[in-house]
Every structure is written in C-alpha cells, then in structure tokens.
PDB file of N, CA and C in Angstrom:
ATOM      1  N   MET A   1       0.843  -1.170   0.000  1.00  0.00           N
ATOM      2  CA  MET A   1       0.000   0.000   0.000  1.00  0.00           C
ATOM      3  C   MET A   1       0.892   1.239   0.000  1.00  0.00           C
ATOM      4  N   SER A   2       0.618   2.177  -0.878  1.00  0.00           N
ATOM      5  CA  SER A   2       1.427   3.388  -1.009  1.00  0.00           C
ATOM      6  C   SER A   2       0.984   4.416   0.016  1.00  0.00           C
ATOM      7  N   SER A   3       1.963   5.067   0.626  1.00  0.00           N
ATOM      8  CA  SER A   3       1.645   6.093   1.608  1.00  0.00           C
ATOM      9  C   SER A   3       1.901   7.489   1.058  1.00  0.00           C
ATOM     10  N   ALA A   4       2.129   7.620  -0.243  1.00  0.00           N
ATOM     11  CA  ALA A   4       2.398   8.923  -0.846  1.00  0.00           C
ATOM     12  C   ALA A   4       1.130   9.763  -0.867  1.00  0.00           C
ATOM     13  N   THR A   5       1.254  10.988  -0.419  1.00  0.00           N
ATOM     14  CA  THR A   5       0.135  11.915  -0.482  1.00  0.00           C
ATOM     15  C   THR A   5       0.129  12.564  -1.859  1.00  0.00           C
ATOM     16  N   PRO A   6      -0.991  13.179  -2.251  1.00  0.00           N
ATOM     17  CA  PRO A   6      -1.024  13.848  -3.558  1.00  0.00           C
ATOM     18  C   PRO A   6       0.078  14.897  -3.701  1.00  0.00           C
ATOM     19  N   LEU A   7       0.391  15.608  -2.624  1.00  0.00           N
ATOM     20  CA  LEU A   7       1.443  16.618  -2.675  1.00  0.00           C
ATOM     21  C   LEU A   7       2.802  15.975  -2.927  1.00  0.00           C
ATOM     22  N   THR A   8       3.067  14.852  -2.284  1.00  0.00           N
ATOM     23  CA  THR A   8       4.332  14.148  -2.492  1.00  0.00           C
ATOM     24  C   THR A   8       4.443  13.656  -3.927  1.00  0.00           C
ATOM     25  N   ALA A   9       3.362  13.109  -4.460  1.00  0.00           N
ATOM     26  CA  ALA A   9       3.368  12.626  -5.843  1.00  0.00           C
ATOM     27  C   ALA A   9       3.626  13.772  -6.809  1.00  0.00           C
ATOM     28  N   ILE A  10       3.018  14.922  -6.574  1.00  0.00           N
ATOM     29  CA  ILE A  10       3.248  16.090  -7.429  1.00  0.00           C
ATOM     30  C   ILE A  10       4.687  16.555  -7.303  1.00  0.00           C
ATOM     31  N   SER A  11       5.218  16.586  -6.095  1.00  0.00           N
ATOM     32  CA  SER A  11       6.604  17.001  -5.893  1.00  0.00           C
ATOM     33  C   SER A  11       7.569  16.061  -6.602  1.00  0.00           C
ATOM     34  N   MET A  12       7.287  14.765  -6.555  1.00  0.00           N
ATOM     35  CA  MET A  12       8.155  13.796  -7.230  1.00  0.00           C
ATOM     36  C   MET A  12       8.094  13.983  -8.741  1.00  0.00           C
ATOM     37  N   LEU A  13       6.911  14.261  -9.273  1.00  0.00           N
ATOM     38  CA  LEU A  13       6.761  14.500 -10.703  1.00  0.00           C
ATOM     39  C   LEU A  13       7.505  15.766 -11.116  1.00  0.00           C
ATOM     40  N   THR A  14       7.409  16.806 -10.316  1.00  0.00           N
ATOM     41  CA  THR A  14       8.129  18.046 -10.596  1.00  0.00           C
ATOM     42  C   THR A  14       9.627  17.809 -10.597  1.00  0.00           C
ATOM     43  N   LEU A  15      10.121  17.062  -9.621  1.00  0.00           N
ATOM     44  CA  LEU A  15      11.546  16.749  -9.546  1.00  0.00           C
ATOM     45  C   LEU A  15      11.990  15.942 -10.763  1.00  0.00           C
ATOM     46  N   LEU A  16      11.196  14.970 -11.165  1.00  0.00           N
ATOM     47  CA  LEU A  16      11.522  14.161 -12.336  1.00  0.00           C
ATOM     48  C   LEU A  16      11.610  15.031 -13.590  1.00  0.00           C
ATOM     49  N   CYS A  17      10.653  15.922 -13.773  1.00  0.00           N
ATOM     50  CA  CYS A  17      10.677  16.826 -14.933  1.00  0.00           C
ATOM     51  C   CYS A  17      11.904  17.724 -14.897  1.00  0.00           C
ATOM     52  N   LEU A  18      12.257  18.211 -13.733  1.00  0.00           N
ATOM     53  CA  LEU A  18      13.440  19.056 -13.593  1.00  0.00           C
ATOM     54  C   LEU A  18      14.700  18.286 -13.954  1.00  0.00           C
ATOM     55  N   LEU A  19      14.823  17.058 -13.484  1.00  0.00           N
ATOM     56  CA  LEU A  19      15.998  16.242 -13.800  1.00  0.00           C
ATOM     57  C   LEU A  19      16.089  15.936 -15.289  1.00  0.00           C
ATOM     58  N   ILE A  20      14.965  15.676 -15.928  1.00  0.00           N
ATOM     59  CA  ILE A  20      14.964  15.423 -17.368  1.00  0.00           C
ATOM     60  C   ILE A  20      15.422  16.669 -18.113  1.00  0.00           C
ATOM     61  N   THR A  21      14.924  17.829 -17.712  1.00  0.00           N
ATOM     62  CA  THR A  21      15.311  19.083 -18.359  1.00  0.00           C
ATOM     63  C   THR A  21      16.789  19.360 -18.157  1.00  0.00           C
ATOM     64  N   LEU A  22      17.287  19.178 -16.944  1.00  0.00           N
ATOM     65  CA  LEU A  22      18.701  19.430 -16.683  1.00  0.00           C
ATOM     66  C   LEU A  22      19.589  18.469 -17.452  1.00  0.00           C
ATOM     67  N   GLY A  23      19.131  17.262 -17.648  1.00  0.00           N
ATOM     68  CA  GLY A  23      19.910  16.270 -18.370  1.00  0.00           C
ATOM     69  C   GLY A  23      20.142  16.636 -19.823  1.00  0.00           C
ATOM     70  N   SER A  24      19.303  17.471 -20.396  1.00  0.00           N
ATOM     71  CA  SER A  24      19.455  17.826 -21.796  1.00  0.00           C
ATOM     72  C   SER A  24      20.204  19.139 -21.985  1.00  0.00           C
ATOM     73  N   CYS A  25      20.708  19.715 -20.930  1.00  0.00           N
ATOM     74  CA  CYS A  25      21.503  20.934 -21.039  1.00  0.00           C
ATOM     75  C   CYS A  25      22.883  20.599 -21.582  1.00  0.00           C
ATOM     76  N   TRP A  26      23.511  21.578 -22.188  1.00  0.00           N
ATOM     77  CA  TRP A  26      24.846  21.375 -22.740  1.00  0.00           C
ATOM     78  C   TRP A  26      25.741  22.532 -22.339  1.00  0.00           C
ATOM     79  N   LYS A  27      27.041  22.278 -22.434  1.00  0.00           N
ATOM     80  CA  LYS A  27      28.052  23.296 -22.158  1.00  0.00           C
ATOM     81  C   LYS A  27      29.193  23.049 -23.133  1.00  0.00           C
ATOM     82  N   VAL A  28      29.714  24.109 -23.716  1.00  0.00           N
ATOM     83  CA  VAL A  28      30.791  23.961 -24.693  1.00  0.00           C
ATOM     84  C   VAL A  28      31.658  25.218 -24.703  1.00  0.00           C
ATOM     85  N   ASN A  29      32.954  25.024 -24.849  1.00  0.00           N
ATOM     86  CA  ASN A  29      33.865  26.123 -25.155  1.00  0.00           C
ATOM     87  C   ASN A  29      34.182  26.045 -26.637  1.00  0.00           C
ATOM     88  N   LEU A  30      34.106  27.165 -27.324  1.00  0.00           N
ATOM     89  CA  LEU A  30      34.452  27.257 -28.738  1.00  0.00           C
ATOM     90  C   LEU A  30      35.778  27.994 -28.849  1.00  0.00           C
ATOM     91  N   TYR A  31      36.728  27.423 -29.587  1.00  0.00           N
ATOM     92  CA  TYR A  31      38.068  28.004 -29.720  1.00  0.00           C
ATOM     93  C   TYR A  31      38.322  28.421 -31.163  1.00  0.00           C
ATOM     94  N   ARG A  32      39.043  29.515 -31.332  1.00  0.00           N
ATOM     95  CA  ARG A  32      39.385  30.008 -32.671  1.00  0.00           C
ATOM     96  C   ARG A  32      40.412  29.128 -33.368  1.00  0.00           C
ATOM     97  N   ASP A  33      41.278  28.468 -32.602  1.00  0.00           N
ATOM     98  CA  ASP A  33      42.352  27.662 -33.182  1.00  0.00           C
ATOM     99  C   ASP A  33      42.168  26.187 -32.826  1.00  0.00           C
ATOM    100  N   THR A  34      42.885  25.321 -33.538  1.00  0.00           N
ATOM    101  CA  THR A  34      42.845  23.892 -33.240  1.00  0.00           C
ATOM    102  C   THR A  34      43.474  23.618 -31.876  1.00  0.00           C
ATOM    103  N   ARG A  35      43.214  22.438 -31.365  1.00  0.00           N
ATOM    104  CA  ARG A  35      43.758  21.960 -30.085  1.00  0.00           C
ATOM    105  C   ARG A  35      43.404  22.860 -28.903  1.00  0.00           C
ATOM    106  N   ASN A  36      42.225  23.440 -28.953  1.00  0.00           N
ATOM    107  CA  ASN A  36      41.710  24.286 -27.862  1.00  0.00           C
ATOM    108  C   ASN A  36      42.648  25.434 -27.522  1.00  0.00           C
ATOM    109  N   ARG A  37      43.120  26.092 -28.558  1.00  0.00           N
ATOM    110  CA  ARG A  37      44.004  27.251 -28.374  1.00  0.00           C
ATOM    111  C   ARG A  37      43.359  28.489 -28.988  1.00  0.00           C
ATOM    112  N   GLY A  38      43.954  29.621 -28.678  1.00  0.00           N
ATOM    113  CA  GLY A  38      43.445  30.882 -29.208  1.00  0.00           C
ATOM    114  C   GLY A  38      42.296  31.403 -28.375  1.00  0.00           C
ATOM    115  N   GLY A  39      41.712  32.482 -28.837  1.00  0.00           N
ATOM    116  CA  GLY A  39      40.573  33.056 -28.140  1.00  0.00           C
ATOM    117  C   GLY A  39      39.432  32.059 -28.064  1.00  0.00           C
ATOM    118  N   HIS A  40      38.635  32.167 -27.013  1.00  0.00           N
ATOM    119  CA  HIS A  40      37.510  31.249 -26.874  1.00  0.00           C
ATOM    120  C   HIS A  40      36.351  31.901 -26.140  1.00  0.00           C
ATOM    121  N   ILE A  41      35.198  31.291 -26.290  1.00  0.00           N
ATOM    122  CA  ILE A  41      34.014  31.686 -25.526  1.00  0.00           C
ATOM    123  C   ILE A  41      33.391  30.424 -24.940  1.00  0.00           C
ATOM    124  N   GLU A  42      32.690  30.603 -23.843  1.00  0.00           N
ATOM    125  CA  GLU A  42      31.958  29.498 -23.216  1.00  0.00           C
ATOM    126  C   GLU A  42      30.473  29.730 -23.435  1.00  0.00           C
ATOM    127  N   MET A  43      29.795  28.690 -23.865  1.00  0.00           N
ATOM    128  CA  MET A  43      28.346  28.756 -24.040  1.00  0.00           C
ATOM    129  C   MET A  43      27.720  27.590 -23.286  1.00  0.00           C
ATOM    130  N   GLU A  44      26.537  27.801 -22.766  1.00  0.00           N
ATOM    131  CA  GLU A  44      25.787  26.714 -22.152  1.00  0.00           C
ATOM    132  C   GLU A  44      24.310  27.012 -22.276  1.00  0.00           C
ATOM    133  N   GLY A  45      23.528  25.957 -22.290  1.00  0.00           N
ATOM    134  CA  GLY A  45      22.096  26.169 -22.412  1.00  0.00           C
ATOM    135  C   GLY A  45      21.337  24.891 -22.639  1.00  0.00           C
ATOM    136  N   ASN A  46      20.119  25.072 -23.071  1.00  0.00           N
ATOM    137  CA  ASN A  46      19.222  23.969 -23.380  1.00  0.00           C
ATOM    138  C   ASN A  46      18.511  24.356 -24.665  1.00  0.00           C
ATOM    139  N   GLY A  47      18.596  23.523 -25.668  1.00  0.00           N
ATOM    140  CA  GLY A  47      17.995  23.868 -26.947  1.00  0.00           C
ATOM    141  C   GLY A  47      18.992  24.587 -27.839  1.00  0.00           C
ATOM    142  N   CYS A  48      18.475  25.268 -28.819  1.00  0.00           N
ATOM    143  CA  CYS A  48      19.310  25.920 -29.833  1.00  0.00           C
ATOM    144  C   CYS A  48      19.719  27.329 -29.411  1.00  0.00           C
ATOM    145  N   GLN A  49      20.991  27.657 -29.642  1.00  0.00           N
ATOM    146  CA  GLN A  49      21.483  29.021 -29.410  1.00  0.00           C
ATOM    147  C   GLN A  49      22.366  29.442 -30.568  1.00  0.00           C
ATOM    148  N   ARG A  50      22.234  30.694 -30.948  1.00  0.00           N
ATOM    149  CA  ARG A  50      23.122  31.251 -31.961  1.00  0.00           C
ATOM    150  C   ARG A  50      24.485  31.520 -31.348  1.00  0.00           C
ATOM    151  N   ILE A  51      25.512  31.248 -32.118  1.00  0.00           N
ATOM    152  CA  ILE A  51      26.867  31.589 -31.687  1.00  0.00           C
ATOM    153  C   ILE A  51      27.012  33.099 -31.841  1.00  0.00           C
ATOM    154  N   PRO A  52      27.558  33.786 -30.832  1.00  0.00           N
ATOM    155  CA  PRO A  52      27.705  35.238 -30.929  1.00  0.00           C
ATOM    156  C   PRO A  52      28.453  35.658 -32.197  1.00  0.00           C
ATOM    157  N   ARG A  53      28.103  36.825 -32.686  1.00  0.00           N
ATOM    158  CA  ARG A  53      28.620  37.344 -33.953  1.00  0.00           C
ATOM    159  C   ARG A  53      30.145  37.286 -34.047  1.00  0.00           C
ATOM    160  N   ASP A  54      30.851  37.605 -32.960  1.00  0.00           N
ATOM    161  CA  ASP A  54      32.319  37.630 -33.026  1.00  0.00           C
ATOM    162  C   ASP A  54      32.941  36.233 -33.116  1.00  0.00           C
ATOM    163  N   PHE A  55      32.134  35.180 -32.930  1.00  0.00           N
ATOM    164  CA  PHE A  55      32.635  33.808 -33.082  1.00  0.00           C
ATOM    165  C   PHE A  55      31.921  33.051 -34.197  1.00  0.00           C
ATOM    166  N   ASN A  56      30.960  33.680 -34.836  1.00  0.00           N
ATOM    167  CA  ASN A  56      30.226  33.037 -35.923  1.00  0.00           C
ATOM    168  C   ASN A  56      31.183  32.674 -37.054  1.00  0.00           C
ATOM    169  N   ASP A  57      31.170  31.417 -37.460  1.00  0.00           N
ATOM    170  CA  ASP A  57      32.046  30.909 -38.532  1.00  0.00           C
ATOM    171  C   ASP A  57      33.530  31.083 -38.218  1.00  0.00           C
ATOM    172  N   LYS A  58      33.899  30.969 -36.934  1.00  0.00           N
ATOM    173  CA  LYS A  58      35.302  31.130 -36.541  1.00  0.00           C
ATOM    174  C   LYS A  58      35.776  30.053 -35.574  1.00  0.00           C
ATOM    175  N   THR A  59      35.044  28.962 -35.431  1.00  0.00           N
ATOM    176  CA  THR A  59      35.400  27.910 -34.478  1.00  0.00           C
ATOM    177  C   THR A  59      36.219  26.822 -35.159  1.00  0.00           C
ATOM    178  N   SER A  60      37.388  26.494 -34.540  1.00  0.00           N
ATOM    179  CA  SER A  60      38.269  25.446 -35.081  1.00  0.00           C
ATOM    180  C   SER A  60      38.384  24.231 -34.171  1.00  0.00           C
ATOM    181  N   SER A  61      38.043  24.385 -32.874  1.00  0.00           N
ATOM    182  CA  SER A  61      38.057  23.262 -31.937  1.00  0.00           C
ATOM    183  C   SER A  61      37.089  23.563 -30.798  1.00  0.00           C
ATOM    184  N   VAL A  62      36.735  22.522 -30.057  1.00  0.00           N
ATOM    185  CA  VAL A  62      35.750  22.670 -28.985  1.00  0.00           C
ATOM    186  C   VAL A  62      36.122  21.825 -27.777  1.00  0.00           C
ATOM    187  N   ASN A  63      35.577  22.201 -26.630  1.00  0.00           N
ATOM    188  CA  ASN A  63      35.604  21.379 -25.418  1.00  0.00           C
ATOM    189  C   ASN A  63      34.151  21.209 -25.000  1.00  0.00           C
ATOM    190  N   THR A  64      33.665  19.976 -24.992  1.00  0.00           N
ATOM    191  CA  THR A  64      32.268  19.717 -24.628  1.00  0.00           C
ATOM    192  C   THR A  64      32.112  19.288 -23.170  1.00  0.00           C
ATOM    193  N   PHE A  65      33.192  19.309 -22.411  1.00  0.00           N
ATOM    194  CA  PHE A  65      33.163  18.973 -20.985  1.00  0.00           C
ATOM    195  C   PHE A  65      32.545  17.596 -20.740  1.00  0.00           C
ATOM    196  N   GLY A  66      32.816  16.665 -21.641  1.00  0.00           N
ATOM    197  CA  GLY A  66      32.330  15.303 -21.483  1.00  0.00           C
ATOM    198  C   GLY A  66      30.893  15.086 -21.908  1.00  0.00           C
ATOM    199  N   GLY A  67      30.260  16.128 -22.424  1.00  0.00           N
ATOM    200  CA  GLY A  67      28.876  16.002 -22.873  1.00  0.00           C
ATOM    201  C   GLY A  67      28.790  15.898 -24.384  1.00  0.00           C
ATOM    202  N   CYS A  68      27.595  16.008 -24.883  1.00  0.00           N
ATOM    203  CA  CYS A  68      27.345  15.927 -26.323  1.00  0.00           C
ATOM    204  C   CYS A  68      26.669  17.218 -26.782  1.00  0.00           C
ATOM    205  N   VAL A  69      27.172  17.810 -27.849  1.00  0.00           N
ATOM    206  CA  VAL A  69      26.547  18.986 -28.458  1.00  0.00           C
ATOM    207  C   VAL A  69      26.535  18.809 -29.973  1.00  0.00           C
ATOM    208  N   ARG A  70      25.690  19.568 -30.604  1.00  0.00           N
ATOM    209  CA  ARG A  70      25.644  19.616 -32.064  1.00  0.00           C
ATOM    210  C   ARG A  70      26.006  21.020 -32.518  1.00  0.00           C
ATOM    211  N   LEU A  71      26.905  21.107 -33.488  1.00  0.00           N
ATOM    212  CA  LEU A  71      27.216  22.370 -34.146  1.00  0.00           C
ATOM    213  C   LEU A  71      26.455  22.394 -35.465  1.00  0.00           C
ATOM    214  N   TYR A  72      25.882  23.540 -35.782  1.00  0.00           N
ATOM    215  CA  TYR A  72      25.119  23.694 -37.019  1.00  0.00           C
ATOM    216  C   TYR A  72      25.777  24.748 -37.899  1.00  0.00           C
ATOM    217  N   GLU A  73      25.713  24.524 -39.193  1.00  0.00           N
ATOM    218  CA  GLU A  73      26.339  25.428 -40.154  1.00  0.00           C
ATOM    219  C   GLU A  73      25.623  26.773 -40.238  1.00  0.00           C
ATOM    220  N   HIS A  74      24.319  26.782 -39.984  1.00  0.00           N
ATOM    221  CA  HIS A  74      23.550  28.022 -40.097  1.00  0.00           C
ATOM    222  C   HIS A  74      22.915  28.383 -38.757  1.00  0.00           C
ATOM    223  N   ARG A  75      22.457  29.604 -38.669  1.00  0.00           N
ATOM    224  CA  ARG A  75      21.779  30.072 -37.459  1.00  0.00           C
ATOM    225  C   ARG A  75      20.489  29.284 -37.235  1.00  0.00           C
ATOM    226  N   ASP A  76      20.028  29.324 -35.993  1.00  0.00           N
ATOM    227  CA  ASP A  76      18.779  28.665 -35.596  1.00  0.00           C
ATOM    228  C   ASP A  76      18.802  27.154 -35.830  1.00  0.00           C
ATOM    229  N   CYS A  77      19.983  26.564 -35.669  1.00  0.00           N
ATOM    230  CA  CYS A  77      20.172  25.108 -35.766  1.00  0.00           C
ATOM    231  C   CYS A  77      19.643  24.538 -37.076  1.00  0.00           C
ATOM    232  N   ARG A  78      20.069  25.172 -38.162  1.00  0.00           N
ATOM    233  CA  ARG A  78      19.701  24.703 -39.501  1.00  0.00           C
ATOM    234  C   ARG A  78      20.963  24.381 -40.283  1.00  0.00           C
ATOM    235  N   GLY A  79      20.777  23.666 -41.363  1.00  0.00           N
ATOM    236  CA  GLY A  79      21.887  23.331 -42.243  1.00  0.00           C
ATOM    237  C   GLY A  79      22.636  22.092 -41.782  1.00  0.00           C
ATOM    238  N   ARG A  80      23.820  21.955 -42.321  1.00  0.00           N
ATOM    239  CA  ARG A  80      24.652  20.791 -41.998  1.00  0.00           C
ATOM    240  C   ARG A  80      24.954  20.758 -40.505  1.00  0.00           C
ATOM    241  N   VAL A  81      25.057  19.553 -39.944  1.00  0.00           N
ATOM    242  CA  VAL A  81      25.255  19.396 -38.497  1.00  0.00           C
ATOM    243  C   VAL A  81      26.455  18.497 -38.228  1.00  0.00           C
ATOM    244  N   LEU A  82      27.182  18.824 -37.173  1.00  0.00           N
ATOM    245  CA  LEU A  82      28.273  17.983 -36.684  1.00  0.00           C
ATOM    246  C   LEU A  82      27.974  17.659 -35.232  1.00  0.00           C
ATOM    247  N   GLU A  83      27.776  16.381 -34.930  1.00  0.00           N
ATOM    248  CA  GLU A  83      27.499  15.948 -33.562  1.00  0.00           C
ATOM    249  C   GLU A  83      28.813  15.594 -32.890  1.00  0.00           C
ATOM    250  N   LEU A  84      29.071  16.229 -31.754  1.00  0.00           N
ATOM    251  CA  LEU A  84      30.308  16.027 -30.997  1.00  0.00           C
ATOM    252  C   LEU A  84      29.969  15.355 -29.677  1.00  0.00           C
ATOM    253  N   PHE A  85      30.256  14.070 -29.591  1.00  0.00           N
ATOM    254  CA  PHE A  85      29.954  13.299 -28.389  1.00  0.00           C
ATOM    255  C   PHE A  85      31.266  12.837 -27.762  1.00  0.00           C
ATOM    256  N   PRO A  86      31.257  12.454 -26.487  1.00  0.00           N
ATOM    257  CA  PRO A  86      32.492  12.009 -25.840  1.00  0.00           C
ATOM    258  C   PRO A  86      33.159  10.886 -26.628  1.00  0.00           C
ATOM    259  N   GLY A  87      34.443  11.059 -26.887  1.00  0.00           N
ATOM    260  CA  GLY A  87      35.209  10.050 -27.601  1.00  0.00           C
ATOM    261  C   GLY A  87      35.097  10.105 -29.113  1.00  0.00           C
ATOM    262  N   SER A  88      34.424  11.128 -29.650  1.00  0.00           N
ATOM    263  CA  SER A  88      34.252  11.186 -31.103  1.00  0.00           C
ATOM    264  C   SER A  88      35.539  11.553 -31.830  1.00  0.00           C
ATOM    265  N   GLY A  89      36.521  12.089 -31.128  1.00  0.00           N
ATOM    266  CA  GLY A  89      37.820  12.360 -31.727  1.00  0.00           C
ATOM    267  C   GLY A  89      37.871  13.569 -32.638  1.00  0.00           C
ATOM    268  N   THR A  90      36.835  14.360 -32.674  1.00  0.00           N
ATOM    269  CA  THR A  90      36.827  15.529 -33.557  1.00  0.00           C
ATOM    270  C   THR A  90      36.944  16.845 -32.804  1.00  0.00           C
ATOM    271  N   HIS A  91      36.989  16.797 -31.508  1.00  0.00           N
ATOM    272  CA  HIS A  91      36.949  18.023 -30.715  1.00  0.00           C
ATOM    273  C   HIS A  91      38.128  18.954 -30.957  1.00  0.00           C
ATOM    274  N   SER A  92      39.316  18.405 -31.130  1.00  0.00           N
ATOM    275  CA  SER A  92      40.513  19.252 -31.194  1.00  0.00           C
ATOM    276  C   SER A  92      40.799  19.822 -32.577  1.00  0.00           C
ATOM    277  N   ASN A  93      40.110  19.339 -33.604  1.00  0.00           N
ATOM    278  CA  ASN A  93      40.372  19.834 -34.954  1.00  0.00           C
ATOM    279  C   ASN A  93      39.144  19.604 -35.836  1.00  0.00           C
ATOM    280  N   LEU A  94      38.329  20.635 -35.984  1.00  0.00           N
ATOM    281  CA  LEU A  94      37.104  20.504 -36.765  1.00  0.00           C
ATOM    282  C   LEU A  94      37.375  20.397 -38.266  1.00  0.00           C
ATOM    283  N   LYS A  95      38.607  20.669 -38.690  1.00  0.00           N
ATOM    284  CA  LYS A  95      38.975  20.518 -40.105  1.00  0.00           C
ATOM    285  C   LYS A  95      38.804  19.074 -40.560  1.00  0.00           C
ATOM    286  N   LYS A  96      38.988  18.126 -39.643  1.00  0.00           N
ATOM    287  CA  LYS A  96      38.883  16.702 -39.986  1.00  0.00           C
ATOM    288  C   LYS A  96      37.502  16.336 -40.524  1.00  0.00           C
ATOM    289  N   HIS A  97      36.506  17.131 -40.208  1.00  0.00           N
ATOM    290  CA  HIS A  97      35.144  16.868 -40.679  1.00  0.00           C
ATOM    291  C   HIS A  97      34.617  18.011 -41.540  1.00  0.00           C
ATOM    292  N   ASN A  98      35.532  18.761 -42.120  1.00  0.00           N
ATOM    293  CA  ASN A  98      35.167  19.885 -42.981  1.00  0.00           C
ATOM    294  C   ASN A  98      34.178  20.827 -42.286  1.00  0.00           C
ATOM    295  N   PHE A  99      34.440  21.100 -41.002  1.00  0.00           N
ATOM    296  CA  PHE A  99      33.572  21.993 -40.243  1.00  0.00           C
ATOM    297  C   PHE A  99      34.359  23.151 -39.630  1.00  0.00           C
ATOM    298  N   ASN A 100      35.588  23.348 -40.072  1.00  0.00           N
ATOM    299  CA  ASN A 100      36.397  24.448 -39.560  1.00  0.00           C
ATOM    300  C   ASN A 100      35.799  25.781 -40.007  1.00  0.00           C
ATOM    301  N   ASP A 101      35.632  26.688 -39.063  1.00  0.00           N
ATOM    302  CA  ASP A 101      35.104  28.032 -39.332  1.00  0.00           C
ATOM    303  C   ASP A 101      33.743  27.995 -40.033  1.00  0.00           C
ATOM    304  N   LYS A 102      32.884  27.069 -39.623  1.00  0.00           N
ATOM    305  CA  LYS A 102      31.560  26.946 -40.251  1.00  0.00           C
ATOM    306  C   LYS A 102      30.399  27.010 -39.260  1.00  0.00           C
ATOM    307  N   ALA A 103      30.642  26.881 -37.971  1.00  0.00           N
ATOM    308  CA  ALA A 103      29.553  26.793 -36.991  1.00  0.00           C
ATOM    309  C   ALA A 103      28.900  28.150 -36.739  1.00  0.00           C
ATOM    310  N   SER A 104      27.561  28.158 -36.785  1.00  0.00           N
ATOM    311  CA  SER A 104      26.794  29.375 -36.517  1.00  0.00           C
ATOM    312  C   SER A 104      25.800  29.219 -35.372  1.00  0.00           C
ATOM    313  N   SER A 105      25.514  27.974 -34.975  1.00  0.00           N
ATOM    314  CA  SER A 105      24.638  27.753 -33.826  1.00  0.00           C
ATOM    315  C   SER A 105      24.972  26.420 -33.165  1.00  0.00           C
ATOM    316  N   VAL A 106      24.524  26.290 -31.921  1.00  0.00           N
ATOM    317  CA  VAL A 106      24.805  25.114 -31.096  1.00  0.00           C
ATOM    318  C   VAL A 106      23.480  24.597 -30.542  1.00  0.00           C
ATOM    319  N   GLY A 107      23.373  23.270 -30.439  1.00  0.00           N
ATOM    320  CA  GLY A 107      22.155  22.690 -29.885  1.00  0.00           C
ATOM    321  C   GLY A 107      22.406  21.368 -29.185  1.00  0.00           C
ATOM    322  N   ASN A 108      21.341  20.839 -28.606  1.00  0.00           N
ATOM    323  CA  ASN A 108      21.385  19.563 -27.882  1.00  0.00           C
ATOM    324  C   ASN A 108      21.564  18.395 -28.840  1.00  0.00           C
ATOM    325  N   CYS A 109      22.139  17.327 -28.334  1.00  0.00           N
ATOM    326  CA  CYS A 109      22.107  16.042 -29.031  1.00  0.00           C
ATOM    327  C   CYS A 109      20.763  15.390 -28.714  1.00  0.00           C
ATOM    328  N   PRO A 110      20.263  14.574 -29.636  1.00  0.00           N
ATOM    329  CA  PRO A 110      18.963  13.927 -29.368  1.00  0.00           C
ATOM    330  C   PRO A 110      19.063  12.887 -28.262  1.00  0.00           C
TER     331      PRO A 110
END
C-alpha cells in the first residue's frame, strides 16, 4: 500500500521533470584555433542558441566537458550538423570533418 500523499506525488513528478530538463543541457567552449588554443568563448544552455557574432564561422576546436553537443552550419540550428559526443575524436580539430570556421549555432544532441 502506497503512503504517498497527492502533494508528495506532485513534488516527485516536478523533480523528475526538472531532472529530465537538466539532463538535456549542454556546455561547450568554442576556440578560434585547433587543439583548444586561441581566443575562446563558453556557451551553455538547453535547446538551440546562436553563436555570438564575433565567433560566428570562426570555431576550429571545442571542449564539450564530457557532454554531447551539435554544431550547425547556419543560425537557428539549420543546415549541416556535426554531432560532438564524448570520444568522437573531432573536438581538437574541426577541419577533420570539414567543419572548420563553419559553426553558426549550437544545440542539444537527441
């Protein structure tokens, strides 16, 4: 027999939704040069974000902090996509996938 009150059940559902939402957040550093060198910016969020104008089409390497992100060729997460997941081996040199200086937006992995 369950002893959960309606308030407890609602609180548990709210917590579950919060954990699901937090799980889909991403964090990435974008670097101007290969091997995580040169000027960089840090971005984090949930969903699609435009890369700031001063870094648009200027990213050569990334640090995903062990997470997964998608880089998109065009703004608003459109166009060609490069998925960067842990161990993908493309983080330090985006030239290997013909994505050097092409990223305009960042988004979640599915």
